[in-house]
PDB file of N, CA and C in Angstrom:
ATOM      1  N   MET A   1     -10.668   7.365  11.594  1.00  0.00           N
ATOM      2  CA  MET A   1     -11.065   7.907  10.807  1.00  0.00           C
ATOM      3  C   MET A   1      -9.067   8.533  10.386  1.00  0.00           C
ATOM      4  N   PHE A   2      -9.316   8.030   8.296  1.00  0.00           N
ATOM      5  CA  PHE A   2      -8.559   8.069   7.733  1.00  0.00           C
ATOM      6  C   PHE A   2      -8.343   9.695   6.815  1.00  0.00           C
ATOM      7  N   SER A   3      -6.830   9.819   7.943  1.00  0.00           N
ATOM      8  CA  SER A   3      -5.851  11.099   6.998  1.00  0.00           C
ATOM      9  C   SER A   3      -4.624  10.456   6.087  1.00  0.00           C
ATOM     10  N   PHE A   4      -3.940  11.269   5.362  1.00  0.00           N
ATOM     11  CA  PHE A   4      -3.671  11.437   4.943  1.00  0.00           C
ATOM     12  C   PHE A   4      -1.844  11.318   5.479  1.00  0.00           C
ATOM     13  N   GLY A   5      -1.747  11.934   7.058  1.00  0.00           N
ATOM     14  CA  GLY A   5      -1.300  11.333   8.145  1.00  0.00           C
ATOM     15  C   GLY A   5      -0.793   9.438   8.401  1.00  0.00           C
ATOM     16  N   LYS A   6      -1.682   8.644   8.162  1.00  0.00           N
ATOM     17  CA  LYS A   6      -1.346   8.153   8.568  1.00  0.00           C
ATOM     18  C   LYS A   6      -0.224   7.536   7.198  1.00  0.00           C
ATOM     19  N   PHE A   7      -0.015   7.855   6.431  1.00  0.00           N
ATOM     20  CA  PHE A   7       1.126   6.971   5.412  1.00  0.00           C
ATOM     21  C   PHE A   7       2.211   7.776   5.077  1.00  0.00           C
ATOM     22  N   GLU A   8       3.012   7.560   6.021  1.00  0.00           N
ATOM     23  CA  GLU A   8       4.329   8.036   6.271  1.00  0.00           C
ATOM     24  C   GLU A   8       4.984   8.077   5.592  1.00  0.00           C
ATOM     25  N   ASP A   9       5.561   6.798   5.181  1.00  0.00           N
ATOM     26  CA  ASP A   9       6.495   6.051   4.071  1.00  0.00           C
ATOM     27  C   ASP A   9       5.812   4.913   4.166  1.00  0.00           C
ATOM     28  N   PHE A  10       6.530   3.784   2.894  1.00  0.00           N
ATOM     29  CA  PHE A  10       6.451   2.652   1.652  1.00  0.00           C
ATOM     30  C   PHE A  10       6.016   1.912   3.135  1.00  0.00           C
ATOM     31  N   ASP A  11       6.337   1.089   4.388  1.00  0.00           N
ATOM     32  CA  ASP A  11       5.766   0.431   4.629  1.00  0.00           C
ATOM     33  C   ASP A  11       3.849   0.360   5.138  1.00  0.00           C
ATOM     34  N   ALA A  12       4.030   1.400   5.724  1.00  0.00           N
ATOM     35  CA  ALA A  12       1.981   2.736   5.599  1.00  0.00           C
ATOM     36  C   ALA A  12       1.616   2.051   4.084  1.00  0.00           C
ATOM     37  N   LEU A  13       1.902   2.299   2.957  1.00  0.00           N
ATOM     38  CA  LEU A  13       1.650   1.681   1.592  1.00  0.00           C
ATOM     39  C   LEU A  13       1.601   0.304   1.597  1.00  0.00           C
ATOM     40  N   ASP A  14       2.403  -0.194   2.071  1.00  0.00           N
ATOM     41  CA  ASP A  14       2.621  -1.761   1.917  1.00  0.00           C
ATOM     42  C   ASP A  14       0.969  -2.381   2.830  1.00  0.00           C
ATOM     43  N   ARG A  15       0.762  -1.784   3.776  1.00  0.00           N
ATOM     44  CA  ARG A  15       0.068  -2.245   5.115  1.00  0.00           C
ATOM     45  C   ARG A  15      -1.283  -1.689   4.290  1.00  0.00           C
ATOM     46  N   LEU A  16      -1.503  -0.509   3.702  1.00  0.00           N
ATOM     47  CA  LEU A  16      -2.168  -0.263   3.002  1.00  0.00           C
ATOM     48  C   LEU A  16      -2.933  -1.471   2.161  1.00  0.00           C
ATOM     49  N   PHE A  17      -1.784  -1.703   0.998  1.00  0.00           N
ATOM     50  CA  PHE A  17      -2.349  -1.952  -0.882  1.00  0.00           C
ATOM     51  C   PHE A  17      -2.497  -3.781   0.281  1.00  0.00           C
ATOM     52  N   PHE A  18      -1.710  -4.699   0.934  1.00  0.00           N
ATOM     53  CA  PHE A  18      -1.325  -5.913   0.879  1.00  0.00           C
ATOM     54  C   PHE A  18      -2.498  -6.460   1.990  1.00  0.00           C
ATOM     55  N   GLY A  19      -1.995  -5.375   2.803  1.00  0.00           N
ATOM     56  CA  GLY A  19      -3.413  -6.138   4.269  1.00  0.00           C
ATOM     57  C   GLY A  19      -4.561  -5.427   4.471  1.00  0.00           C
ATOM     58  N   VAL A  20      -4.758  -4.609   3.019  1.00  0.00           N
ATOM     59  CA  VAL A  20      -5.499  -3.525   3.634  1.00  0.00           C
ATOM     60  C   VAL A  20      -7.034  -4.211   2.176  1.00  0.00           C
ATOM     61  N   LEU A  21      -6.702  -3.255   1.254  1.00  0.00           N
ATOM     62  CA  LEU A  21      -7.730  -3.015   0.212  1.00  0.00           C
ATOM     63  C   LEU A  21      -7.840  -4.712  -0.533  1.00  0.00           C
ATOM     64  N   SER A  22      -6.873  -5.176   0.105  1.00  0.00           N
ATOM     65  CA  SER A  22      -5.909  -6.809  -0.896  1.00  0.00           C
ATOM     66  C   SER A  22      -6.617  -8.124   0.307  1.00  0.00           C
ATOM     67  N   ARG A  23      -7.817  -7.234   1.005  1.00  0.00           N
ATOM     68  CA  ARG A  23      -8.400  -8.588   2.316  1.00  0.00           C
ATOM     69  C   ARG A  23     -10.202  -7.889   2.284  1.00  0.00           C
ATOM     70  N   LYS A  24     -10.736  -9.295   2.653  1.00  0.00           N
ATOM     71  CA  LYS A  24     -11.798  -9.307   3.299  1.00  0.00           C
ATOM     72  C   LYS A  24     -11.761  -8.108   4.622  1.00  0.00           C
ATOM     73  N   LYS A  25     -12.868  -7.893   5.103  1.00  0.00           N
ATOM     74  CA  LYS A  25     -12.901  -7.313   6.710  1.00  0.00           C
ATOM     75  C   LYS A  25     -12.355  -8.108   7.375  1.00  0.00           C
ATOM     76  N   GLU A  26     -12.918  -9.046   7.469  1.00  0.00           N
ATOM     77  CA  GLU A  26     -12.775 -10.089   8.506  1.00  0.00           C
ATOM     78  C   GLU A  26     -11.890 -11.261   8.442  1.00  0.00           C
ATOM     79  N   GLU A  27     -10.370 -10.566   7.165  1.00  0.00           N
ATOM     80  CA  GLU A  27      -9.342 -11.281   6.844  1.00  0.00           C
ATOM     81  C   GLU A  27      -8.286 -10.231   7.477  1.00  0.00           C
ATOM     82  N   ARG A  28      -8.316  -9.047   7.955  1.00  0.00           N
ATOM     83  CA  ARG A  28      -7.626  -8.458   8.455  1.00  0.00           C
ATOM     84  C   ARG A  28      -7.040  -9.043   9.136  1.00  0.00           C
ATOM     85  N   SER A  29      -5.478  -8.805   9.936  1.00  0.00           N
ATOM     86  CA  SER A  29      -4.849  -8.572  11.669  1.00  0.00           C
ATOM     87  C   SER A  29      -6.205  -7.016  12.011  1.00  0.00           C
ATOM     88  N   GLU A  30      -5.821  -8.393  12.868  1.00  0.00           N
ATOM     89  CA  GLU A  30      -6.794  -6.974  14.398  1.00  0.00           C
ATOM     90  C   GLU A  30      -6.025  -5.609  14.421  1.00  0.00           C
ATOM     91  N   PRO A  31      -4.622  -5.117  14.359  1.00  0.00           N
ATOM     92  CA  PRO A  31      -4.780  -4.030  14.796  1.00  0.00           C
ATOM     93  C   PRO A  31      -4.970  -3.191  13.103  1.00  0.00           C
ATOM     94  N   LEU A  32      -4.623  -3.872  11.878  1.00  0.00           N
ATOM     95  CA  LEU A  32      -5.465  -3.148  10.858  1.00  0.00           C
ATOM     96  C   LEU A  32      -7.295  -2.622  10.669  1.00  0.00           C
ATOM     97  N   ARG A  33      -7.808  -3.600  11.328  1.00  0.00           N
ATOM     98  CA  ARG A  33      -9.032  -2.994  10.955  1.00  0.00           C
ATOM     99  C   ARG A  33      -9.418  -1.849  11.677  1.00  0.00           C
ATOM    100  N   GLY A  34      -8.760  -2.003  12.830  1.00  0.00           N
ATOM    101  CA  GLY A  34      -9.124  -0.365  13.706  1.00  0.00           C
ATOM    102  C   GLY A  34      -9.005   0.272  12.591  1.00  0.00           C
ATOM    103  N   LEU A  35      -7.625   0.536  11.881  1.00  0.00           N
ATOM    104  CA  LEU A  35      -7.319   1.898  11.622  1.00  0.00           C
ATOM    105  C   LEU A  35      -7.275   2.625  10.386  1.00  0.00           C
ATOM    106  N   PHE A  36      -7.955   0.638   9.619  1.00  0.00           N
ATOM    107  CA  PHE A  36      -8.789   1.302   8.180  1.00  0.00           C
ATOM    108  C   PHE A  36      -9.962   0.969   8.045  1.00  0.00           C
ATOM    109  N   GLU A  37     -11.096   0.796   9.583  1.00  0.00           N
ATOM    110  CA  GLU A  37     -11.846   0.490   9.621  1.00  0.00           C
ATOM    111  C   GLU A  37     -12.990   0.280   8.616  1.00  0.00           C
ATOM    112  N   LYS A  38     -12.741   1.735   7.612  1.00  0.00           N
ATOM    113  CA  LYS A  38     -14.070   2.221   6.803  1.00  0.00           C
ATOM    114  C   LYS A  38     -13.589   2.299   4.904  1.00  0.00           C
ATOM    115  N   ILE A  39     -11.910   1.680   5.245  1.00  0.00           N
ATOM    116  CA  ILE A  39     -11.470   1.600   3.732  1.00  0.00           C
ATOM    117  C   ILE A  39     -12.999   0.049   3.209  1.00  0.00           C
ATOM    118  N   PRO A  40     -12.749   0.157   2.048  1.00  0.00           N
ATOM    119  CA  PRO A  40     -13.473  -1.184   1.400  1.00  0.00           C
ATOM    120  C   PRO A  40     -12.476  -2.235   0.617  1.00  0.00           C
ATOM    121  N   TYR A  41     -12.856  -3.543   1.053  1.00  0.00           N
ATOM    122  CA  TYR A  41     -12.078  -4.610  -0.158  1.00  0.00           C
ATOM    123  C   TYR A  41     -12.748  -4.431  -1.493  1.00  0.00           C
ATOM    124  N   LEU A  42     -11.317  -4.420  -2.308  1.00  0.00           N
ATOM    125  CA  LEU A  42     -11.255  -3.984  -3.965  1.00  0.00           C
ATOM    126  C   LEU A  42     -10.854  -5.922  -3.991  1.00  0.00           C
ATOM    127  N   ASN A  43     -12.602  -6.376  -4.768  1.00  0.00           N
ATOM    128  CA  ASN A  43     -11.554  -7.646  -4.928  1.00  0.00           C
ATOM    129  C   ASN A  43     -11.153  -7.428  -6.882  1.00  0.00           C
ATOM    130  N   THR A  44      -9.421  -7.645  -6.621  1.00  0.00           N
ATOM    131  CA  THR A  44      -8.827  -7.133  -7.786  1.00  0.00           C
ATOM    132  C   THR A  44      -8.092  -8.080  -7.364  1.00  0.00           C
ATOM    133  N   SER A  45      -6.794  -8.243  -9.228  1.00  0.00           N
ATOM    134  CA  SER A  45      -5.482  -8.564  -8.482  1.00  0.00           C
ATOM    135  C   SER A  45      -5.103  -7.396  -8.412  1.00  0.00           C
ATOM    136  N   LEU A  46      -5.295  -6.492  -8.365  1.00  0.00           N
ATOM    137  CA  LEU A  46      -3.672  -5.341  -8.050  1.00  0.00           C
ATOM    138  C   LEU A  46      -2.785  -4.801  -7.326  1.00  0.00           C
ATOM    139  N   PHE A  47      -3.928  -5.270  -5.657  1.00  0.00           N
ATOM    140  CA  PHE A  47      -2.842  -4.968  -4.916  1.00  0.00           C
ATOM    141  C   PHE A  47      -2.868  -6.587  -4.685  1.00  0.00           C
ATOM    142  N   GLU A  48      -2.627  -7.092  -5.245  1.00  0.00           N
ATOM    143  CA  GLU A  48      -1.366  -8.539  -5.597  1.00  0.00           C
ATOM    144  C   GLU A  48      -0.135  -8.371  -5.876  1.00  0.00           C
ATOM    145  N   PRO A  49       0.961  -8.791  -4.597  1.00  0.00           N
ATOM    146  CA  PRO A  49       1.756  -8.841  -5.120  1.00  0.00           C
ATOM    147  C   PRO A  49       2.462  -9.983  -6.872  1.00  0.00           C
ATOM    148  N   THR A  50       2.977  -9.298  -7.725  1.00  0.00           N
ATOM    149  CA  THR A  50       3.188 -10.020  -9.280  1.00  0.00           C
ATOM    150  C   THR A  50       5.043 -10.597  -8.584  1.00  0.00           C
ATOM    151  N   GLY A  51       4.983 -11.339  -9.206  1.00  0.00           N
ATOM    152  CA  GLY A  51       6.215 -12.013  -9.534  1.00  0.00           C
ATOM    153  C   GLY A  51       7.188 -11.485  -9.220  1.00  0.00           C
ATOM    154  N   LEU A  52       7.550 -10.482  -9.381  1.00  0.00           N
ATOM    155  CA  LEU A  52       8.791  -9.731  -9.453  1.00  0.00           C
ATOM    156  C   LEU A  52       8.743  -9.233  -8.240  1.00  0.00           C
ATOM    157  N   GLU A  53       7.740  -9.232  -8.011  1.00  0.00           N
ATOM    158  CA  GLU A  53       7.999  -8.826  -6.453  1.00  0.00           C
ATOM    159  C   GLU A  53       8.061  -9.295  -5.781  1.00  0.00           C
ATOM    160  N   LYS A  54       7.478 -10.852  -6.173  1.00  0.00           N
ATOM    161  CA  LYS A  54       8.391 -11.746  -5.140  1.00  0.00           C
ATOM    162  C   LYS A  54       9.516 -12.173  -4.790  1.00  0.00           C
ATOM    163  N   ASN A  55       9.759 -11.968  -6.392  1.00  0.00           N
ATOM    164  CA  ASN A  55      11.254 -12.570  -6.766  1.00  0.00           C
ATOM    165  C   ASN A  55      12.181 -11.685  -5.697  1.00  0.00           C
ATOM    166  N   THR A  56      11.999 -10.363  -6.250  1.00  0.00           N
ATOM    167  CA  THR A  56      13.176  -8.747  -5.875  1.00  0.00           C
ATOM    168  C   THR A  56      12.471  -8.226  -4.489  1.00  0.00           C
ATOM    169  N   PHE A  57      11.813  -7.565  -4.584  1.00  0.00           N
ATOM    170  CA  PHE A  57      11.537  -6.539  -3.153  1.00  0.00           C
ATOM    171  C   PHE A  57      10.091  -6.491  -3.484  1.00  0.00           C
ATOM    172  N   SER A  58       9.305  -5.528  -2.274  1.00  0.00           N
ATOM    173  CA  SER A  58       8.242  -5.294  -2.485  1.00  0.00           C
ATOM    174  C   SER A  58       8.153  -3.597  -1.918  1.00  0.00           C
ATOM    175  N   VAL A  59       7.396  -2.945  -1.790  1.00  0.00           N
ATOM    176  CA  VAL A  59       6.562  -1.312  -1.336  1.00  0.00           C
ATOM    177  C   VAL A  59       7.867  -1.376  -0.989  1.00  0.00           C
ATOM    178  N   ASN A  60       7.536  -1.495   0.082  1.00  0.00           N
ATOM    179  CA  ASN A  60       7.425  -1.641   1.771  1.00  0.00           C
ATOM    180  C   ASN A  60       9.565  -1.661   1.631  1.00  0.00           C
ATOM    181  N   GLY A  61       9.683  -2.632   0.463  1.00  0.00           N
ATOM    182  CA  GLY A  61      11.525  -2.466   0.295  1.00  0.00           C
ATOM    183  C   GLY A  61      12.114  -0.788   0.671  1.00  0.00           C
ATOM    184  N   LEU A  62      11.446   0.154   0.049  1.00  0.00           N
ATOM    185  CA  LEU A  62      11.729   1.044  -0.970  1.00  0.00           C
ATOM    186  C   LEU A  62      12.158   2.321   0.493  1.00  0.00           C
ATOM    187  N   ASP A  63      13.591   2.851   0.113  1.00  0.00           N
ATOM    188  CA  ASP A  63      13.738   3.885   1.247  1.00  0.00           C
ATOM    189  C   ASP A  63      13.163   5.159   1.464  1.00  0.00           C
ATOM    190  N   SER A  64      12.435   5.958   2.400  1.00  0.00           N
ATOM    191  CA  SER A  64      11.613   6.967   2.645  1.00  0.00           C
ATOM    192  C   SER A  64      11.919   7.979   2.589  1.00  0.00           C
ATOM    193  N   GLU A  65      13.499   7.774   2.935  1.00  0.00           N
ATOM    194  CA  GLU A  65      14.144   8.813   2.082  1.00  0.00           C
ATOM    195  C   GLU A  65      14.130   9.459   1.116  1.00  0.00           C
ATOM    196  N   LYS A  66      14.680   8.962   0.065  1.00  0.00           N
ATOM    197  CA  LYS A  66      14.573   9.206  -0.709  1.00  0.00           C
ATOM    198  C   LYS A  66      13.392  10.281  -1.863  1.00  0.00           C
ATOM    199  N   THR A  67      14.452  10.747  -2.006  1.00  0.00           N
ATOM    200  CA  THR A  67      12.729  10.600  -3.460  1.00  0.00           C
ATOM    201  C   THR A  67      12.672  10.127  -4.496  1.00  0.00           C
ATOM    202  N   LEU A  68      11.422   9.898  -5.744  1.00  0.00           N
ATOM    203  CA  LEU A  68      11.458   9.125  -6.825  1.00  0.00           C
ATOM    204  C   LEU A  68      11.541  10.362  -7.637  1.00  0.00           C
ATOM    205  N   PRO A  69      12.896  10.242  -9.616  1.00  0.00           N
ATOM    206  CA  PRO A  69      12.330  11.244 -10.162  1.00  0.00           C
ATOM    207  C   PRO A  69      11.034  10.706 -10.941  1.00  0.00           C
ATOM    208  N   LEU A  70      10.767  12.021 -11.159  1.00  0.00           N
ATOM    209  CA  LEU A  70       9.616  11.548 -11.976  1.00  0.00           C
ATOM    210  C   LEU A  70       8.917  11.245 -13.497  1.00  0.00           C
ATOM    211  N   PHE A  71       8.931  10.672 -14.065  1.00  0.00           N
ATOM    212  CA  PHE A  71       8.700   9.916 -15.310  1.00  0.00           C
ATOM    213  C   PHE A  71       9.052  11.096 -15.709  1.00  0.00           C
ATOM    214  N   SER A  72      10.018  11.486 -17.220  1.00  0.00           N
ATOM    215  CA  SER A  72      10.230  12.571 -18.169  1.00  0.00           C
ATOM    216  C   SER A  72       9.015  12.746 -18.775  1.00  0.00           C
ATOM    217  N   GLN A  73       7.760  12.236 -18.703  1.00  0.00           N
ATOM    218  CA  GLN A  73       6.692  12.096 -20.276  1.00  0.00           C
ATOM    219  C   GLN A  73       5.622  11.984 -19.002  1.00  0.00           C
ATOM    220  N   THR A  74       6.038  12.522 -18.131  1.00  0.00           N
ATOM    221  CA  THR A  74       4.494  12.913 -16.745  1.00  0.00           C
ATOM    222  C   THR A  74       4.019  13.890 -17.138  1.00  0.00           C
ATOM    223  N   LEU A  75       3.114  13.815 -16.797  1.00  0.00           N
ATOM    224  CA  LEU A  75       2.179  15.197 -17.000  1.00  0.00           C
ATOM    225  C   LEU A  75       1.499  16.352 -15.223  1.00  0.00           C
ATOM    226  N   ALA A  76       2.392  15.559 -14.816  1.00  0.00           N
ATOM    227  CA  ALA A  76       2.497  15.899 -12.940  1.00  0.00           C
ATOM    228  C   ALA A  76       3.010  17.048 -12.971  1.00  0.00           C
ATOM    229  N   LYS A  77       2.538  18.131 -12.491  1.00  0.00           N
ATOM    230  CA  LYS A  77       3.842  19.365 -12.561  1.00  0.00           C
ATOM    231  C   LYS A  77       3.752  20.031 -11.674  1.00  0.00           C
TER     232      LYS A  77
END
């Protein structure tokens, strides 16, 4: 079952974006099939690594111990 507790760090987000959302259910690795069985495939390039990510780093390369500052013009509170 889905829960926010499964996303403890940037590695978990990387698995969700590039191992689950960007792949059809039958193309997912066996552990991810069971863990995210109810998460659908999204037929979009949104979850494809960009050229910049391929040449620099991906989301799982971010340090999970650090916080990211909010964009100065954000509407988030």
